[in-house]
PDB file of N, CA and C in Angstrom:
ATOM      1  N   UNK A   1     -12.261  18.390 -57.252  1.00  0.00           N
ATOM      2  CA  UNK A   1     -11.427  17.277 -57.653  1.00  0.00           C
ATOM      3  C   UNK A   1     -10.878  17.574 -59.051  1.00  0.00           C
ATOM      4  N   UNK A   2      -9.598  17.308 -59.233  1.00  0.00           N
ATOM      5  CA  UNK A   2      -9.020  17.531 -60.552  1.00  0.00           C
ATOM      6  C   UNK A   2      -9.134  16.255 -61.394  1.00  0.00           C
ATOM      7  N   UNK A   3      -8.791  16.374 -62.669  1.00  0.00           N
ATOM      8  CA  UNK A   3      -8.952  15.253 -63.604  1.00  0.00           C
ATOM      9  C   UNK A   3      -8.167  14.011 -63.181  1.00  0.00           C
ATOM     10  N   UNK A   4      -6.968  14.207 -62.648  1.00  0.00           N
ATOM     11  CA  UNK A   4      -6.147  13.071 -62.220  1.00  0.00           C
ATOM     12  C   UNK A   4      -6.805  12.330 -61.060  1.00  0.00           C
ATOM     13  N   UNK A   5      -7.306  13.071 -60.111  1.00  0.00           N
ATOM     14  CA  UNK A   5      -7.963  12.469 -58.947  1.00  0.00           C
ATOM     15  C   UNK A   5      -9.243  11.745 -59.361  1.00  0.00           C
ATOM     16  N   UNK A   6     -10.017  12.355 -60.248  1.00  0.00           N
ATOM     17  CA  UNK A   6     -11.241  11.717 -60.745  1.00  0.00           C
ATOM     18  C   UNK A   6     -10.896  10.398 -61.428  1.00  0.00           C
ATOM     19  N   UNK A   7      -9.863  10.391 -62.252  1.00  0.00           N
ATOM     20  CA  UNK A   7      -9.446   9.179 -62.957  1.00  0.00           C
ATOM     21  C   UNK A   7      -9.000   8.096 -61.980  1.00  0.00           C
ATOM     22  N   UNK A   8      -8.296   8.464 -60.927  1.00  0.00           N
ATOM     23  CA  UNK A   8      -7.833   7.480 -59.930  1.00  0.00           C
ATOM     24  C   UNK A   8      -9.003   6.842 -59.198  1.00  0.00           C
ATOM     25  N   UNK A   9      -9.965   7.668 -58.782  1.00  0.00           N
ATOM     26  CA  UNK A   9     -11.128   7.135 -58.058  1.00  0.00           C
ATOM     27  C   UNK A   9     -11.977   6.287 -58.997  1.00  0.00           C
ATOM     28  N   UNK A  10     -12.146   6.728 -60.237  1.00  0.00           N
ATOM     29  CA  UNK A  10     -12.907   5.943 -61.213  1.00  0.00           C
ATOM     30  C   UNK A  10     -12.263   4.576 -61.431  1.00  0.00           C
ATOM     31  N   UNK A  11     -10.945   4.550 -61.576  1.00  0.00           N
ATOM     32  CA  UNK A  11     -10.236   3.281 -61.768  1.00  0.00           C
ATOM     33  C   UNK A  11     -10.432   2.365 -60.565  1.00  0.00           C
ATOM     34  N   UNK A  12     -10.365   2.942 -59.368  1.00  0.00           N
ATOM     35  CA  UNK A  12     -10.588   2.157 -58.149  1.00  0.00           C
ATOM     36  C   UNK A  12     -11.977   1.536 -58.154  1.00  0.00           C
ATOM     37  N   UNK A  13     -13.005   2.339 -58.435  1.00  0.00           N
ATOM     38  CA  UNK A  13     -14.383   1.828 -58.430  1.00  0.00           C
ATOM     39  C   UNK A  13     -14.580   0.749 -59.496  1.00  0.00           C
ATOM     40  N   UNK A  14     -14.022   0.960 -60.681  1.00  0.00           N
ATOM     41  CA  UNK A  14     -14.145  -0.042 -61.748  1.00  0.00           C
ATOM     42  C   UNK A  14     -13.504  -1.363 -61.342  1.00  0.00           C
ATOM     43  N   UNK A  15     -12.344  -1.291 -60.714  1.00  0.00           N
ATOM     44  CA  UNK A  15     -11.667  -2.511 -60.277  1.00  0.00           C
ATOM     45  C   UNK A  15     -12.401  -3.162 -59.113  1.00  0.00           C
ATOM     46  N   UNK A  16     -12.842  -2.373 -58.147  1.00  0.00           N
ATOM     47  CA  UNK A  16     -13.514  -2.892 -56.956  1.00  0.00           C
ATOM     48  C   UNK A  16     -14.810  -3.613 -57.322  1.00  0.00           C
ATOM     49  N   UNK A  17     -15.588  -3.020 -58.218  1.00  0.00           N
ATOM     50  CA  UNK A  17     -16.886  -3.591 -58.594  1.00  0.00           C
ATOM     51  C   UNK A  17     -16.828  -4.396 -59.891  1.00  0.00           C
ATOM     52  N   UNK A  18     -15.616  -4.559 -60.435  1.00  0.00           N
ATOM     53  CA  UNK A  18     -15.409  -5.318 -61.662  1.00  0.00           C
ATOM     54  C   UNK A  18     -16.392  -4.897 -62.744  1.00  0.00           C
ATOM     55  N   UNK A  19     -16.469  -3.579 -62.970  1.00  0.00           N
ATOM     56  CA  UNK A  19     -17.405  -3.035 -63.940  1.00  0.00           C
ATOM     57  C   UNK A  19     -16.778  -1.810 -64.612  1.00  0.00           C
ATOM     58  N   UNK A  20     -16.444  -1.960 -65.882  1.00  0.00           N
ATOM     59  CA  UNK A  20     -15.806  -0.881 -66.632  1.00  0.00           C
ATOM     60  C   UNK A  20     -16.790   0.190 -67.096  1.00  0.00           C
ATOM     61  N   UNK A  21     -18.078   0.014 -66.797  1.00  0.00           N
ATOM     62  CA  UNK A  21     -19.079   0.990 -67.214  1.00  0.00           C
ATOM     63  C   UNK A  21     -19.330   2.080 -66.167  1.00  0.00           C
ATOM     64  N   UNK A  22     -18.589   2.037 -65.063  1.00  0.00           N
ATOM     65  CA  UNK A  22     -18.690   3.101 -64.063  1.00  0.00           C
ATOM     66  C   UNK A  22     -17.935   4.317 -64.590  1.00  0.00           C
ATOM     67  N   UNK A  23     -18.629   5.454 -64.616  1.00  0.00           N
ATOM     68  CA  UNK A  23     -18.056   6.683 -65.154  1.00  0.00           C
ATOM     69  C   UNK A  23     -18.260   7.811 -64.143  1.00  0.00           C
ATOM     70  N   UNK A  24     -17.200   8.536 -63.847  1.00  0.00           N
ATOM     71  CA  UNK A  24     -17.292   9.711 -62.994  1.00  0.00           C
ATOM     72  C   UNK A  24     -17.228  10.955 -63.868  1.00  0.00           C
ATOM     73  N   UNK A  25     -18.172  11.870 -63.647  1.00  0.00           N
ATOM     74  CA  UNK A  25     -18.225  13.104 -64.426  1.00  0.00           C
ATOM     75  C   UNK A  25     -18.138  14.304 -63.492  1.00  0.00           C
ATOM     76  N   UNK A  26     -17.309  15.242 -63.883  1.00  0.00           N
ATOM     77  CA  UNK A  26     -17.125  16.466 -63.113  1.00  0.00           C
ATOM     78  C   UNK A  26     -18.441  17.227 -62.977  1.00  0.00           C
ATOM     79  N   UNK A  27     -18.626  17.854 -61.826  1.00  0.00           N
ATOM     80  CA  UNK A  27     -19.778  18.733 -61.591  1.00  0.00           C
ATOM     81  C   UNK A  27     -19.247  20.157 -61.547  1.00  0.00           C
ATOM     82  N   UNK A  28     -19.444  20.925 -62.613  1.00  0.00           N
ATOM     83  CA  UNK A  28     -18.877  22.280 -62.661  1.00  0.00           C
ATOM     84  C   UNK A  28     -19.315  23.168 -61.499  1.00  0.00           C
ATOM     85  N   UNK A  29     -20.494  22.951 -60.969  1.00  0.00           N
ATOM     86  CA  UNK A  29     -20.995  23.783 -59.883  1.00  0.00           C
ATOM     87  C   UNK A  29     -20.365  23.433 -58.537  1.00  0.00           C
ATOM     88  N   UNK A  30     -19.609  22.336 -58.464  1.00  0.00           N
ATOM     89  CA  UNK A  30     -19.011  21.917 -57.195  1.00  0.00           C
ATOM     90  C   UNK A  30     -17.648  21.295 -57.448  1.00  0.00           C
ATOM     91  N   UNK A  31     -16.609  21.803 -56.782  1.00  0.00           N
ATOM     92  CA  UNK A  31     -15.278  21.233 -57.002  1.00  0.00           C
ATOM     93  C   UNK A  31     -14.957  20.100 -56.031  1.00  0.00           C
ATOM     94  N   UNK A  32     -15.871  19.774 -55.125  1.00  0.00           N
ATOM     95  CA  UNK A  32     -15.614  18.711 -54.161  1.00  0.00           C
ATOM     96  C   UNK A  32     -16.437  17.465 -54.386  1.00  0.00           C
ATOM     97  N   UNK A  33     -17.092  17.362 -55.566  1.00  0.00           N
ATOM     98  CA  UNK A  33     -17.899  16.176 -55.835  1.00  0.00           C
ATOM     99  C   UNK A  33     -17.979  15.909 -57.329  1.00  0.00           C
ATOM    100  N   UNK A  34     -18.319  14.681 -57.660  1.00  0.00           N
ATOM    101  CA  UNK A  34     -18.514  14.264 -59.053  1.00  0.00           C
ATOM    102  C   UNK A  34     -19.788  13.443 -59.140  1.00  0.00           C
ATOM    103  N   UNK A  35     -20.376  13.390 -60.330  1.00  0.00           N
ATOM    104  CA  UNK A  35     -21.539  12.539 -60.569  1.00  0.00           C
ATOM    105  C   UNK A  35     -21.047  11.153 -60.949  1.00  0.00           C
ATOM    106  N   UNK A  36     -21.789  10.127 -60.510  1.00  0.00           N
ATOM    107  CA  UNK A  36     -21.434   8.743 -60.799  1.00  0.00           C
ATOM    108  C   UNK A  36     -22.495   8.162 -61.726  1.00  0.00           C
ATOM    109  N   UNK A  37     -22.031   7.569 -62.809  1.00  0.00           N
ATOM    110  CA  UNK A  37     -22.922   6.951 -63.791  1.00  0.00           C
ATOM    111  C   UNK A  37     -22.567   5.491 -63.953  1.00  0.00           C
ATOM    112  N   UNK A  38     -23.573   4.692 -64.254  1.00  0.00           N
ATOM    113  CA  UNK A  38     -23.382   3.310 -64.674  1.00  0.00           C
ATOM    114  C   UNK A  38     -23.827   3.290 -66.125  1.00  0.00           C
ATOM    115  N   UNK A  39     -22.855   3.255 -67.014  1.00  0.00           N
ATOM    116  CA  UNK A  39     -23.078   3.461 -68.435  1.00  0.00           C
ATOM    117  C   UNK A  39     -23.633   4.868 -68.613  1.00  0.00           C
ATOM    118  N   UNK A  40     -24.876   5.021 -69.069  1.00  0.00           N
ATOM    119  CA  UNK A  40     -25.427   6.369 -69.241  1.00  0.00           C
ATOM    120  C   UNK A  40     -26.484   6.709 -68.197  1.00  0.00           C
ATOM    121  N   UNK A  41     -26.610   5.877 -67.149  1.00  0.00           N
ATOM    122  CA  UNK A  41     -27.607   6.113 -66.094  1.00  0.00           C
ATOM    123  C   UNK A  41     -26.955   6.742 -64.859  1.00  0.00           C
ATOM    124  N   UNK A  42     -27.448   7.897 -64.461  1.00  0.00           N
ATOM    125  CA  UNK A  42     -26.973   8.560 -63.247  1.00  0.00           C
ATOM    126  C   UNK A  42     -27.359   7.710 -62.041  1.00  0.00           C
ATOM    127  N   UNK A  43     -26.374   7.393 -61.173  1.00  0.00           N
ATOM    128  CA  UNK A  43     -26.686   6.568 -60.002  1.00  0.00           C
ATOM    129  C   UNK A  43     -26.331   7.228 -58.675  1.00  0.00           C
ATOM    130  N   UNK A  44     -25.614   8.338 -58.697  1.00  0.00           N
ATOM    131  CA  UNK A  44     -25.303   8.977 -57.422  1.00  0.00           C
ATOM    132  C   UNK A  44     -24.238  10.047 -57.532  1.00  0.00           C
ATOM    133  N   UNK A  45     -23.812  10.497 -56.361  1.00  0.00           N
ATOM    134  CA  UNK A  45     -22.792  11.544 -56.262  1.00  0.00           C
ATOM    135  C   UNK A  45     -21.691  11.065 -55.320  1.00  0.00           C
ATOM    136  N   UNK A  46     -20.455  11.335 -55.689  1.00  0.00           N
ATOM    137  CA  UNK A  46     -19.302  10.989 -54.870  1.00  0.00           C
ATOM    138  C   UNK A  46     -18.692  12.288 -54.349  1.00  0.00           C
ATOM    139  N   UNK A  47     -18.569  12.395 -53.036  1.00  0.00           N
ATOM    140  CA  UNK A  47     -18.055  13.603 -52.386  1.00  0.00           C
ATOM    141  C   UNK A  47     -16.658  13.360 -51.851  1.00  0.00           C
ATOM    142  N   UNK A  48     -15.811  14.357 -51.980  1.00  0.00           N
ATOM    143  CA  UNK A  48     -14.469  14.307 -51.403  1.00  0.00           C
ATOM    144  C   UNK A  48     -14.511  14.977 -50.040  1.00  0.00           C
ATOM    145  N   UNK A  49     -13.925  14.307 -49.057  1.00  0.00           N
ATOM    146  CA  UNK A  49     -13.830  14.852 -47.701  1.00  0.00           C
ATOM    147  C   UNK A  49     -12.350  14.925 -47.340  1.00  0.00           C
ATOM    148  N   UNK A  50     -11.855  16.139 -47.165  1.00  0.00           N
ATOM    149  CA  UNK A  50     -10.425  16.273 -46.840  1.00  0.00           C
ATOM    150  C   UNK A  50     -10.204  17.069 -45.561  1.00  0.00           C
ATOM    151  N   UNK A  51     -11.089  16.891 -44.606  1.00  0.00           N
ATOM    152  CA  UNK A  51     -10.919  17.560 -43.317  1.00  0.00           C
ATOM    153  C   UNK A  51      -9.808  16.905 -42.518  1.00  0.00           C
ATOM    154  N   UNK A  52      -9.155  17.681 -41.715  1.00  0.00           N
ATOM    155  CA  UNK A  52      -8.107  17.212 -40.803  1.00  0.00           C
ATOM    156  C   UNK A  52      -6.946  16.529 -41.516  1.00  0.00           C
ATOM    157  N   UNK A  53      -6.739  16.835 -42.806  1.00  0.00           N
ATOM    158  CA  UNK A  53      -5.605  16.275 -43.525  1.00  0.00           C
ATOM    159  C   UNK A  53      -5.802  14.860 -44.024  1.00  0.00           C
ATOM    160  N   UNK A  54      -6.888  14.202 -43.654  1.00  0.00           N
ATOM    161  CA  UNK A  54      -7.180  12.856 -44.140  1.00  0.00           C
ATOM    162  C   UNK A  54      -8.187  12.968 -45.279  1.00  0.00           C
ATOM    163  N   UNK A  55      -7.874  12.344 -46.402  1.00  0.00           N
ATOM    164  CA  UNK A  55      -8.769  12.400 -47.554  1.00  0.00           C
ATOM    165  C   UNK A  55      -9.563  11.108 -47.638  1.00  0.00           C
ATOM    166  N   UNK A  56     -10.877  11.256 -47.816  1.00  0.00           N
ATOM    167  CA  UNK A  56     -11.744  10.105 -48.050  1.00  0.00           C
ATOM    168  C   UNK A  56     -12.803  10.508 -49.064  1.00  0.00           C
ATOM    169  N   UNK A  57     -13.498   9.515 -49.590  1.00  0.00           N
ATOM    170  CA  UNK A  57     -14.523   9.751 -50.596  1.00  0.00           C
ATOM    171  C   UNK A  57     -15.795   9.045 -50.149  1.00  0.00           C
ATOM    172  N   UNK A  58     -16.912   9.764 -50.205  1.00  0.00           N
ATOM    173  CA  UNK A  58     -18.196   9.219 -49.781  1.00  0.00           C
ATOM    174  C   UNK A  58     -19.124   9.142 -50.979  1.00  0.00           C
ATOM    175  N   UNK A  59     -19.641   7.935 -51.239  1.00  0.00           N
ATOM    176  CA  UNK A  59     -20.556   7.721 -52.354  1.00  0.00           C
ATOM    177  C   UNK A  59     -21.980   7.726 -51.821  1.00  0.00           C
ATOM    178  N   UNK A  60     -22.833   8.569 -52.400  1.00  0.00           N
ATOM    179  CA  UNK A  60     -24.227   8.687 -51.984  1.00  0.00           C
ATOM    180  C   UNK A  60     -25.112   8.266 -53.144  1.00  0.00           C
ATOM    181  N   UNK A  61     -25.884   7.192 -52.908  1.00  0.00           N
ATOM    182  CA  UNK A  61     -26.785   6.667 -53.938  1.00  0.00           C
ATOM    183  C   UNK A  61     -28.179   6.539 -53.348  1.00  0.00           C
ATOM    184  N   UNK A  62     -29.126   7.260 -53.911  1.00  0.00           N
ATOM    185  CA  UNK A  62     -30.518   7.161 -53.470  1.00  0.00           C
ATOM    186  C   UNK A  62     -31.223   6.106 -54.318  1.00  0.00           C
ATOM    187  N   UNK A  63     -32.001   5.245 -53.655  1.00  0.00           N
ATOM    188  CA  UNK A  63     -32.763   4.225 -54.345  1.00  0.00           C
ATOM    189  C   UNK A  63     -34.228   4.466 -54.068  1.00  0.00           C
ATOM    190  N   UNK A  64     -34.978   4.731 -55.120  1.00  0.00           N
ATOM    191  CA  UNK A  64     -36.406   4.980 -54.969  1.00  0.00           C
ATOM    192  C   UNK A  64     -37.162   3.658 -54.896  1.00  0.00           C
ATOM    193  N   UNK A  65     -38.167   3.608 -54.056  1.00  0.00           N
ATOM    194  CA  UNK A  65     -38.921   2.369 -53.864  1.00  0.00           C
ATOM    195  C   UNK A  65     -39.499   1.836 -55.178  1.00  0.00           C
ATOM    196  N   UNK A  66     -40.005   2.726 -56.036  1.00  0.00           N
ATOM    197  CA  UNK A  66     -40.626   2.232 -57.258  1.00  0.00           C
ATOM    198  C   UNK A  66     -39.600   1.652 -58.248  1.00  0.00           C
ATOM    199  N   UNK A  67     -38.310   1.867 -58.009  1.00  0.00           N
ATOM    200  CA  UNK A  67     -37.273   1.262 -58.823  1.00  0.00           C
ATOM    201  C   UNK A  67     -36.941  -0.163 -58.391  1.00  0.00           C
ATOM    202  N   UNK A  68     -37.366  -0.558 -57.199  1.00  0.00           N
ATOM    203  CA  UNK A  68     -37.070  -1.882 -56.674  1.00  0.00           C
ATOM    204  C   UNK A  68     -37.918  -2.952 -57.367  1.00  0.00           C
ATOM    205  N   UNK A  69     -37.366  -4.157 -57.507  1.00  0.00           N
ATOM    206  CA  UNK A  69     -38.163  -5.250 -58.092  1.00  0.00           C
ATOM    207  C   UNK A  69     -39.282  -5.646 -57.148  1.00  0.00           C
ATOM    208  N   UNK A  70     -40.319  -6.230 -57.693  1.00  0.00           N
ATOM    209  CA  UNK A  70     -41.471  -6.686 -56.879  1.00  0.00           C
ATOM    210  C   UNK A  70     -41.038  -7.736 -55.881  1.00  0.00           C
TER     211      UNK A  70
END
């Protein structure tokens, strides 16, 4: 993903979730995904899927049981 595409997806997520603290950071080891942060906390990875000429983005967020409230 290039900088323009990252900025567009970041803007979409910020508007969709009404949260300006969502930050997408490039992953140098992979050109098809970015890291997703909420402020300074890593929360997941966003993957670009461009098979068959259709582009989509998949957000993967793992939630550990011990992070859940009682």
